[in-house]
Amino acid sequence: MVDKGKPEEVASLQGRLTGVRFYTVAEVAAVMRVSKMSVYRLIHSGELEAVRFGRSFRVPESAVKAFLDTSYFETG
């Protein structure tokens, strides 16, 4: 039997996810211009936040932006 949780818990979750856009691993790879395997490595190492849905991952848009913002460095 599947526990569907309390209605207020579901409403709370929906409120936190309002307006959140999720990307697939392939979409993140295209945005970052890297391979899908590179994105999987970032997810498994904990450098890129992701949510697991069954056998696939979804990456919040905010996680992609945060990762890219912290990845810049100056040269020369």
PDB file of N, CA and C in Angstrom:
ATOM      1  N   MET A   1       0.839  -1.177   0.000  1.00  0.00           N
ATOM      2  CA  MET A   1       0.000   0.000   0.000  1.00  0.00           C
ATOM      3  C   MET A   1       0.888   1.245   0.000  1.00  0.00           C
ATOM      4  N   VAL A   2       0.569   2.201  -0.817  1.00  0.00           N
ATOM      5  CA  VAL A   2       1.357   3.416  -0.948  1.00  0.00           C
ATOM      6  C   VAL A   2       0.819   4.481  -0.014  1.00  0.00           C
ATOM      7  N   ASP A   3       1.717   5.084   0.772  1.00  0.00           N
ATOM      8  CA  ASP A   3       1.340   6.173   1.667  1.00  0.00           C
ATOM      9  C   ASP A   3       1.333   7.464   0.874  1.00  0.00           C
ATOM     10  N   LYS A   4       0.192   8.084   0.736  1.00  0.00           N
ATOM     11  CA  LYS A   4       0.069   9.302  -0.061  1.00  0.00           C
ATOM     12  C   LYS A   4       0.357  10.557   0.748  1.00  0.00           C
ATOM     13  N   GLY A   5       0.665  10.434   2.000  1.00  0.00           N
ATOM     14  CA  GLY A   5       0.994  11.592   2.825  1.00  0.00           C
ATOM     15  C   GLY A   5      -0.235  12.392   3.203  1.00  0.00           C
ATOM     16  N   LYS A   6       0.004  13.372   4.042  1.00  0.00           N
ATOM     17  CA  LYS A   6      -1.082  14.223   4.480  1.00  0.00           C
ATOM     18  C   LYS A   6      -1.312  15.323   3.446  1.00  0.00           C
ATOM     19  N   PRO A   7      -2.543  15.763   3.264  1.00  0.00           N
ATOM     20  CA  PRO A   7      -2.839  16.820   2.281  1.00  0.00           C
ATOM     21  C   PRO A   7      -2.040  18.101   2.507  1.00  0.00           C
ATOM     22  N   GLU A   8      -1.795  18.487   3.762  1.00  0.00           N
ATOM     23  CA  GLU A   8      -1.038  19.718   4.011  1.00  0.00           C
ATOM     24  C   GLU A   8       0.422  19.580   3.594  1.00  0.00           C
ATOM     25  N   GLU A   9       0.975  18.357   3.678  1.00  0.00           N
ATOM     26  CA  GLU A   9       2.347  18.131   3.222  1.00  0.00           C
ATOM     27  C   GLU A   9       2.437  18.295   1.707  1.00  0.00           C
ATOM     28  N   VAL A  10       1.452  17.796   0.997  1.00  0.00           N
ATOM     29  CA  VAL A  10       1.423  17.918  -0.460  1.00  0.00           C
ATOM     30  C   VAL A  10       1.273  19.380  -0.852  1.00  0.00           C
ATOM     31  N   ALA A  11       0.411  20.110  -0.181  1.00  0.00           N
ATOM     32  CA  ALA A  11       0.219  21.534  -0.474  1.00  0.00           C
ATOM     33  C   ALA A  11       1.496  22.312  -0.212  1.00  0.00           C
ATOM     34  N   SER A  12       2.211  21.957   0.853  1.00  0.00           N
ATOM     35  CA  SER A  12       3.471  22.626   1.171  1.00  0.00           C
ATOM     36  C   SER A  12       4.498  22.378   0.082  1.00  0.00           C
ATOM     37  N   LEU A  13       4.590  21.153  -0.393  1.00  0.00           N
ATOM     38  CA  LEU A  13       5.523  20.805  -1.459  1.00  0.00           C
ATOM     39  C   LEU A  13       5.172  21.541  -2.745  1.00  0.00           C
ATOM     40  N   GLN A  14       3.909  21.580  -3.077  1.00  0.00           N
ATOM     41  CA  GLN A  14       3.481  22.277  -4.290  1.00  0.00           C
ATOM     42  C   GLN A  14       3.811  23.760  -4.205  1.00  0.00           C
ATOM     43  N   GLY A  15       3.679  24.340  -3.034  1.00  0.00           N
ATOM     44  CA  GLY A  15       3.996  25.756  -2.853  1.00  0.00           C
ATOM     45  C   GLY A  15       5.470  26.040  -3.075  1.00  0.00           C
ATOM     46  N   ARG A  16       6.345  25.116  -2.645  1.00  0.00           N
ATOM     47  CA  ARG A  16       7.783  25.305  -2.824  1.00  0.00           C
ATOM     48  C   ARG A  16       8.213  25.072  -4.266  1.00  0.00           C
ATOM     49  N   LEU A  17       7.452  24.313  -5.018  1.00  0.00           N
ATOM     50  CA  LEU A  17       7.833  23.989  -6.392  1.00  0.00           C
ATOM     51  C   LEU A  17       7.143  24.863  -7.437  1.00  0.00           C
ATOM     52  N   THR A  18       6.336  25.795  -7.000  1.00  0.00           N
ATOM     53  CA  THR A  18       5.649  26.673  -7.927  1.00  0.00           C
ATOM     54  C   THR A  18       6.670  27.479  -8.714  1.00  0.00           C
ATOM     55  N   GLY A  19       6.611  27.376 -10.019  1.00  0.00           N
ATOM     56  CA  GLY A  19       7.493  28.141 -10.877  1.00  0.00           C
ATOM     57  C   GLY A  19       8.883  27.561 -11.052  1.00  0.00           C
ATOM     58  N   VAL A  20       9.159  26.392 -10.468  1.00  0.00           N
ATOM     59  CA  VAL A  20      10.477  25.776 -10.615  1.00  0.00           C
ATOM     60  C   VAL A  20      10.516  25.045 -11.951  1.00  0.00           C
ATOM     61  N   ARG A  21      11.571  25.308 -12.726  1.00  0.00           N
ATOM     62  CA  ARG A  21      11.751  24.619 -14.002  1.00  0.00           C
ATOM     63  C   ARG A  21      12.834  23.560 -13.827  1.00  0.00           C
ATOM     64  N   PHE A  22      12.543  22.357 -14.290  1.00  0.00           N
ATOM     65  CA  PHE A  22      13.497  21.264 -14.212  1.00  0.00           C
ATOM     66  C   PHE A  22      14.017  20.938 -15.604  1.00  0.00           C
ATOM     67  N   TYR A  23      15.318  20.631 -15.683  1.00  0.00           N
ATOM     68  CA  TYR A  23      15.952  20.233 -16.931  1.00  0.00           C
ATOM     69  C   TYR A  23      16.315  18.759 -16.886  1.00  0.00           C
ATOM     70  N   THR A  24      16.306  18.121 -18.039  1.00  0.00           N
ATOM     71  CA  THR A  24      16.823  16.759 -18.136  1.00  0.00           C
ATOM     72  C   THR A  24      18.346  16.838 -18.186  1.00  0.00           C
ATOM     73  N   VAL A  25      18.998  15.707 -18.016  1.00  0.00           N
ATOM     74  CA  VAL A  25      20.457  15.660 -18.088  1.00  0.00           C
ATOM     75  C   VAL A  25      20.915  16.099 -19.483  1.00  0.00           C
ATOM     76  N   ALA A  26      20.205  15.679 -20.516  1.00  0.00           N
ATOM     77  CA  ALA A  26      20.561  16.063 -21.888  1.00  0.00           C
ATOM     78  C   ALA A  26      20.443  17.575 -22.083  1.00  0.00           C
ATOM     79  N   GLU A  27      19.423  18.194 -21.506  1.00  0.00           N
ATOM     80  CA  GLU A  27      19.259  19.644 -21.628  1.00  0.00           C
ATOM     81  C   GLU A  27      20.369  20.387 -20.898  1.00  0.00           C
ATOM     82  N   VAL A  28      20.744  19.911 -19.713  1.00  0.00           N
ATOM     83  CA  VAL A  28      21.842  20.529 -18.967  1.00  0.00           C
ATOM     84  C   VAL A  28      23.136  20.396 -19.757  1.00  0.00           C
ATOM     85  N   ALA A  29      23.374  19.231 -20.328  1.00  0.00           N
ATOM     86  CA  ALA A  29      24.578  19.008 -21.122  1.00  0.00           C
ATOM     87  C   ALA A  29      24.624  19.962 -22.313  1.00  0.00           C
ATOM     88  N   ALA A  30      23.496  20.192 -22.955  1.00  0.00           N
ATOM     89  CA  ALA A  30      23.444  21.099 -24.099  1.00  0.00           C
ATOM     90  C   ALA A  30      23.726  22.539 -23.668  1.00  0.00           C
ATOM     91  N   VAL A  31      23.155  22.957 -22.542  1.00  0.00           N
ATOM     92  CA  VAL A  31      23.371  24.317 -22.043  1.00  0.00           C
ATOM     93  C   VAL A  31      24.840  24.529 -21.680  1.00  0.00           C
ATOM     94  N   MET A  32      25.432  23.537 -21.040  1.00  0.00           N
ATOM     95  CA  MET A  32      26.814  23.644 -20.579  1.00  0.00           C
ATOM     96  C   MET A  32      27.830  23.247 -21.652  1.00  0.00           C
ATOM     97  N   ARG A  33      27.335  22.690 -22.764  1.00  0.00           N
ATOM     98  CA  ARG A  33      28.189  22.221 -23.864  1.00  0.00           C
ATOM     99  C   ARG A  33      29.212  21.187 -23.395  1.00  0.00           C
ATOM    100  N   VAL A  34      28.704  20.216 -22.653  1.00  0.00           N
ATOM    101  CA  VAL A  34      29.505  19.081 -22.195  1.00  0.00           C
ATOM    102  C   VAL A  34      28.712  17.812 -22.509  1.00  0.00           C
ATOM    103  N   SER A  35      29.315  16.671 -22.269  1.00  0.00           N
ATOM    104  CA  SER A  35      28.615  15.408 -22.510  1.00  0.00           C
ATOM    105  C   SER A  35      27.634  15.109 -21.369  1.00  0.00           C
ATOM    106  N   LYS A  36      26.693  14.233 -21.658  1.00  0.00           N
ATOM    107  CA  LYS A  36      25.758  13.811 -20.613  1.00  0.00           C
ATOM    108  C   LYS A  36      26.513  13.118 -19.486  1.00  0.00           C
ATOM    109  N   MET A  37      27.558  12.382 -19.817  1.00  0.00           N
ATOM    110  CA  MET A  37      28.339  11.688 -18.790  1.00  0.00           C
ATOM    111  C   MET A  37      28.969  12.695 -17.826  1.00  0.00           C
ATOM    112  N   SER A  38      29.411  13.835 -18.336  1.00  0.00           N
ATOM    113  CA  SER A  38      29.977  14.874 -17.468  1.00  0.00           C
ATOM    114  C   SER A  38      28.928  15.387 -16.488  1.00  0.00           C
ATOM    115  N   VAL A  39      27.702  15.547 -16.961  1.00  0.00           N
ATOM    116  CA  VAL A  39      26.616  15.999 -16.085  1.00  0.00           C
ATOM    117  C   VAL A  39      26.328  14.939 -15.026  1.00  0.00           C
ATOM    118  N   TYR A  40      26.288  13.670 -15.428  1.00  0.00           N
ATOM    119  CA  TYR A  40      26.077  12.596 -14.455  1.00  0.00           C
ATOM    120  C   TYR A  40      27.185  12.587 -13.399  1.00  0.00           C
ATOM    121  N   ARG A  41      28.417  12.824 -13.809  1.00  0.00           N
ATOM    122  CA  ARG A  41      29.524  12.870 -12.845  1.00  0.00           C
ATOM    123  C   ARG A  41      29.328  14.004 -11.847  1.00  0.00           C
ATOM    124  N   LEU A  42      28.904  15.166 -12.340  1.00  0.00           N
ATOM    125  CA  LEU A  42      28.654  16.306 -11.446  1.00  0.00           C
ATOM    126  C   LEU A  42      27.541  15.987 -10.454  1.00  0.00           C
ATOM    127  N   ILE A  43      26.508  15.318 -10.922  1.00  0.00           N
ATOM    128  CA  ILE A  43      25.385  14.954 -10.049  1.00  0.00           C
ATOM    129  C   ILE A  43      25.843  13.951  -8.984  1.00  0.00           C
ATOM    130  N   HIS A  44      26.534  12.902  -9.408  1.00  0.00           N
ATOM    131  CA  HIS A  44      26.949  11.851  -8.471  1.00  0.00           C
ATOM    132  C   HIS A  44      28.000  12.336  -7.481  1.00  0.00           C
ATOM    133  N   SER A  45      28.798  13.330  -7.875  1.00  0.00           N
ATOM    134  CA  SER A  45      29.808  13.863  -6.953  1.00  0.00           C
ATOM    135  C   SER A  45      29.206  14.876  -5.976  1.00  0.00           C
ATOM    136  N   GLY A  46      27.962  15.291  -6.242  1.00  0.00           N
ATOM    137  CA  GLY A  46      27.309  16.260  -5.367  1.00  0.00           C
ATOM    138  C   GLY A  46      27.574  17.709  -5.751  1.00  0.00           C
ATOM    139  N   GLU A  47      28.292  17.938  -6.849  1.00  0.00           N
ATOM    140  CA  GLU A  47      28.579  19.303  -7.285  1.00  0.00           C
ATOM    141  C   GLU A  47      27.374  19.963  -7.934  1.00  0.00           C
ATOM    142  N   LEU A  48      26.462  19.158  -8.473  1.00  0.00           N
ATOM    143  CA  LEU A  48      25.259  19.668  -9.133  1.00  0.00           C
ATOM    144  C   LEU A  48      24.048  19.017  -8.495  1.00  0.00           C
ATOM    145  N   GLU A  49      23.181  19.840  -7.944  1.00  0.00           N
ATOM    146  CA  GLU A  49      21.966  19.357  -7.286  1.00  0.00           C
ATOM    147  C   GLU A  49      21.016  18.756  -8.319  1.00  0.00           C
ATOM    148  N   ALA A  50      20.402  17.645  -7.974  1.00  0.00           N
ATOM    149  CA  ALA A  50      19.441  17.004  -8.870  1.00  0.00           C
ATOM    150  C   ALA A  50      18.422  16.220  -8.060  1.00  0.00           C
ATOM    151  N   VAL A  51      17.295  15.937  -8.696  1.00  0.00           N
ATOM    152  CA  VAL A  51      16.228  15.149  -8.086  1.00  0.00           C
ATOM    153  C   VAL A  51      16.082  13.886  -8.925  1.00  0.00           C
ATOM    154  N   ARG A  52      15.954  12.771  -8.264  1.00  0.00           N
ATOM    155  CA  ARG A  52      15.814  11.511  -8.987  1.00  0.00           C
ATOM    156  C   ARG A  52      14.341  11.149  -9.118  1.00  0.00           C
ATOM    157  N   PHE A  53      13.916  10.860 -10.343  1.00  0.00           N
ATOM    158  CA  PHE A  53      12.568  10.395 -10.634  1.00  0.00           C
ATOM    159  C   PHE A  53      12.694   9.037 -11.291  1.00  0.00           C
ATOM    160  N   GLY A  54      12.455   7.986 -10.522  1.00  0.00           N
ATOM    161  CA  GLY A  54      12.632   6.644 -11.062  1.00  0.00           C
ATOM    162  C   GLY A  54      14.092   6.406 -11.396  1.00  0.00           C
ATOM    163  N   ARG A  55      14.374   6.158 -12.674  1.00  0.00           N
ATOM    164  CA  ARG A  55      15.745   5.904 -13.104  1.00  0.00           C
ATOM    165  C   ARG A  55      16.396   7.133 -13.727  1.00  0.00           C
ATOM    166  N   SER A  56      15.689   8.253 -13.771  1.00  0.00           N
ATOM    167  CA  SER A  56      16.248   9.447 -14.408  1.00  0.00           C
ATOM    168  C   SER A  56      16.397  10.581 -13.403  1.00  0.00           C
ATOM    169  N   PHE A  57      17.184  11.577 -13.779  1.00  0.00           N
ATOM    170  CA  PHE A  57      17.418  12.740 -12.938  1.00  0.00           C
ATOM    171  C   PHE A  57      16.809  13.968 -13.585  1.00  0.00           C
ATOM    172  N   ARG A  58      16.390  14.907 -12.754  1.00  0.00           N
ATOM    173  CA  ARG A  58      15.960  16.224 -13.207  1.00  0.00           C
ATOM    174  C   ARG A  58      16.747  17.240 -12.389  1.00  0.00           C
ATOM    175  N   VAL A  59      17.210  18.272 -13.071  1.00  0.00           N
ATOM    176  CA  VAL A  59      18.055  19.273 -12.435  1.00  0.00           C
ATOM    177  C   VAL A  59      17.300  20.596 -12.399  1.00  0.00           C
ATOM    178  N   PRO A  60      17.111  21.180 -11.215  1.00  0.00           N
ATOM    179  CA  PRO A  60      16.429  22.475 -11.141  1.00  0.00           C
ATOM    180  C   PRO A  60      17.239  23.550 -11.868  1.00  0.00           C
ATOM    181  N   GLU A  61      16.542  24.444 -12.533  1.00  0.00           N
ATOM    182  CA  GLU A  61      17.195  25.539 -13.245  1.00  0.00           C
ATOM    183  C   GLU A  61      18.095  26.339 -12.309  1.00  0.00           C
ATOM    184  N   SER A  62      17.658  26.539 -11.079  1.00  0.00           N
ATOM    185  CA  SER A  62      18.451  27.298 -10.110  1.00  0.00           C
ATOM    186  C   SER A  62      19.769  26.597  -9.788  1.00  0.00           C
ATOM    187  N   ALA A  63      19.784  25.264  -9.824  1.00  0.00           N
ATOM    188  CA  ALA A  63      21.017  24.515  -9.551  1.00  0.00           C
ATOM    189  C   ALA A  63      22.018  24.696 -10.687  1.00  0.00           C
ATOM    190  N   VAL A  64      21.528  24.719 -11.917  1.00  0.00           N
ATOM    191  CA  VAL A  64      22.408  24.949 -13.068  1.00  0.00           C
ATOM    192  C   VAL A  64      23.012  26.338 -12.980  1.00  0.00           C
ATOM    193  N   LYS A  65      22.170  27.335 -12.683  1.00  0.00           N
ATOM    194  CA  LYS A  65      22.649  28.715 -12.577  1.00  0.00           C
ATOM    195  C   LYS A  65      23.667  28.847 -11.445  1.00  0.00           C
ATOM    196  N   ALA A  66      23.376  28.251 -10.290  1.00  0.00           N
ATOM    197  CA  ALA A  66      24.294  28.328  -9.150  1.00  0.00           C
ATOM    198  C   ALA A  66      25.630  27.665  -9.476  1.00  0.00           C
ATOM    199  N   PHE A  67      25.592  26.522 -10.140  1.00  0.00           N
ATOM    200  CA  PHE A  67      26.824  25.832 -10.496  1.00  0.00           C
ATOM    201  C   PHE A  67      27.662  26.690 -11.444  1.00  0.00           C
ATOM    202  N   LEU A  68      27.023  27.255 -12.462  1.00  0.00           N
ATOM    203  CA  LEU A  68      27.757  28.075 -13.427  1.00  0.00           C
ATOM    204  C   LEU A  68      28.288  29.350 -12.779  1.00  0.00           C
ATOM    205  N   ASP A  69      27.516  29.943 -11.884  1.00  0.00           N
ATOM    206  CA  ASP A  69      27.963  31.169 -11.198  1.00  0.00           C
ATOM    207  C   ASP A  69      29.204  30.925 -10.351  1.00  0.00           C
ATOM    208  N   THR A  70      29.315  29.746  -9.773  1.00  0.00           N
ATOM    209  CA  THR A  70      30.469  29.448  -8.910  1.00  0.00           C
ATOM    210  C   THR A  70      31.638  28.830  -9.683  1.00  0.00           C
ATOM    211  N   SER A  71      31.456  28.584 -10.969  1.00  0.00           N
ATOM    212  CA  SER A  71      32.481  27.917 -11.764  1.00  0.00           C
ATOM    213  C   SER A  71      33.390  28.876 -12.533  1.00  0.00           C
ATOM    214  N   TYR A  72      33.080  30.154 -12.525  1.00  0.00           N
ATOM    215  CA  TYR A  72      33.893  31.117 -13.258  1.00  0.00           C
ATOM    216  C   TYR A  72      35.192  31.399 -12.501  1.00  0.00           C
ATOM    217  N   PHE A  73      36.264  31.576 -13.256  1.00  0.00           N
ATOM    218  CA  PHE A  73      37.518  31.981 -12.646  1.00  0.00           C
ATOM    219  C   PHE A  73      38.261  32.893 -13.606  1.00  0.00           C
ATOM    220  N   GLU A  74      39.101  33.752 -13.060  1.00  0.00           N
ATOM    221  CA  GLU A  74      39.845  34.713 -13.867  1.00  0.00           C
ATOM    222  C   GLU A  74      41.187  34.124 -14.263  1.00  0.00           C
ATOM    223  N   THR A  75      41.632  34.447 -15.467  1.00  0.00           N
ATOM    224  CA  THR A  75      42.934  33.999 -15.941  1.00  0.00           C
ATOM    225  C   THR A  75      43.833  35.202 -16.165  1.00  0.00           C
ATOM    226  N   GLY A  76      45.110  34.927 -16.225  1.00  0.00           N
ATOM    227  CA  GLY A  76      46.091  35.957 -16.567  1.00  0.00           C
ATOM    228  C   GLY A  76      46.285  36.912 -15.506  1.00  0.00           C
TER     229      GLY A  76
END
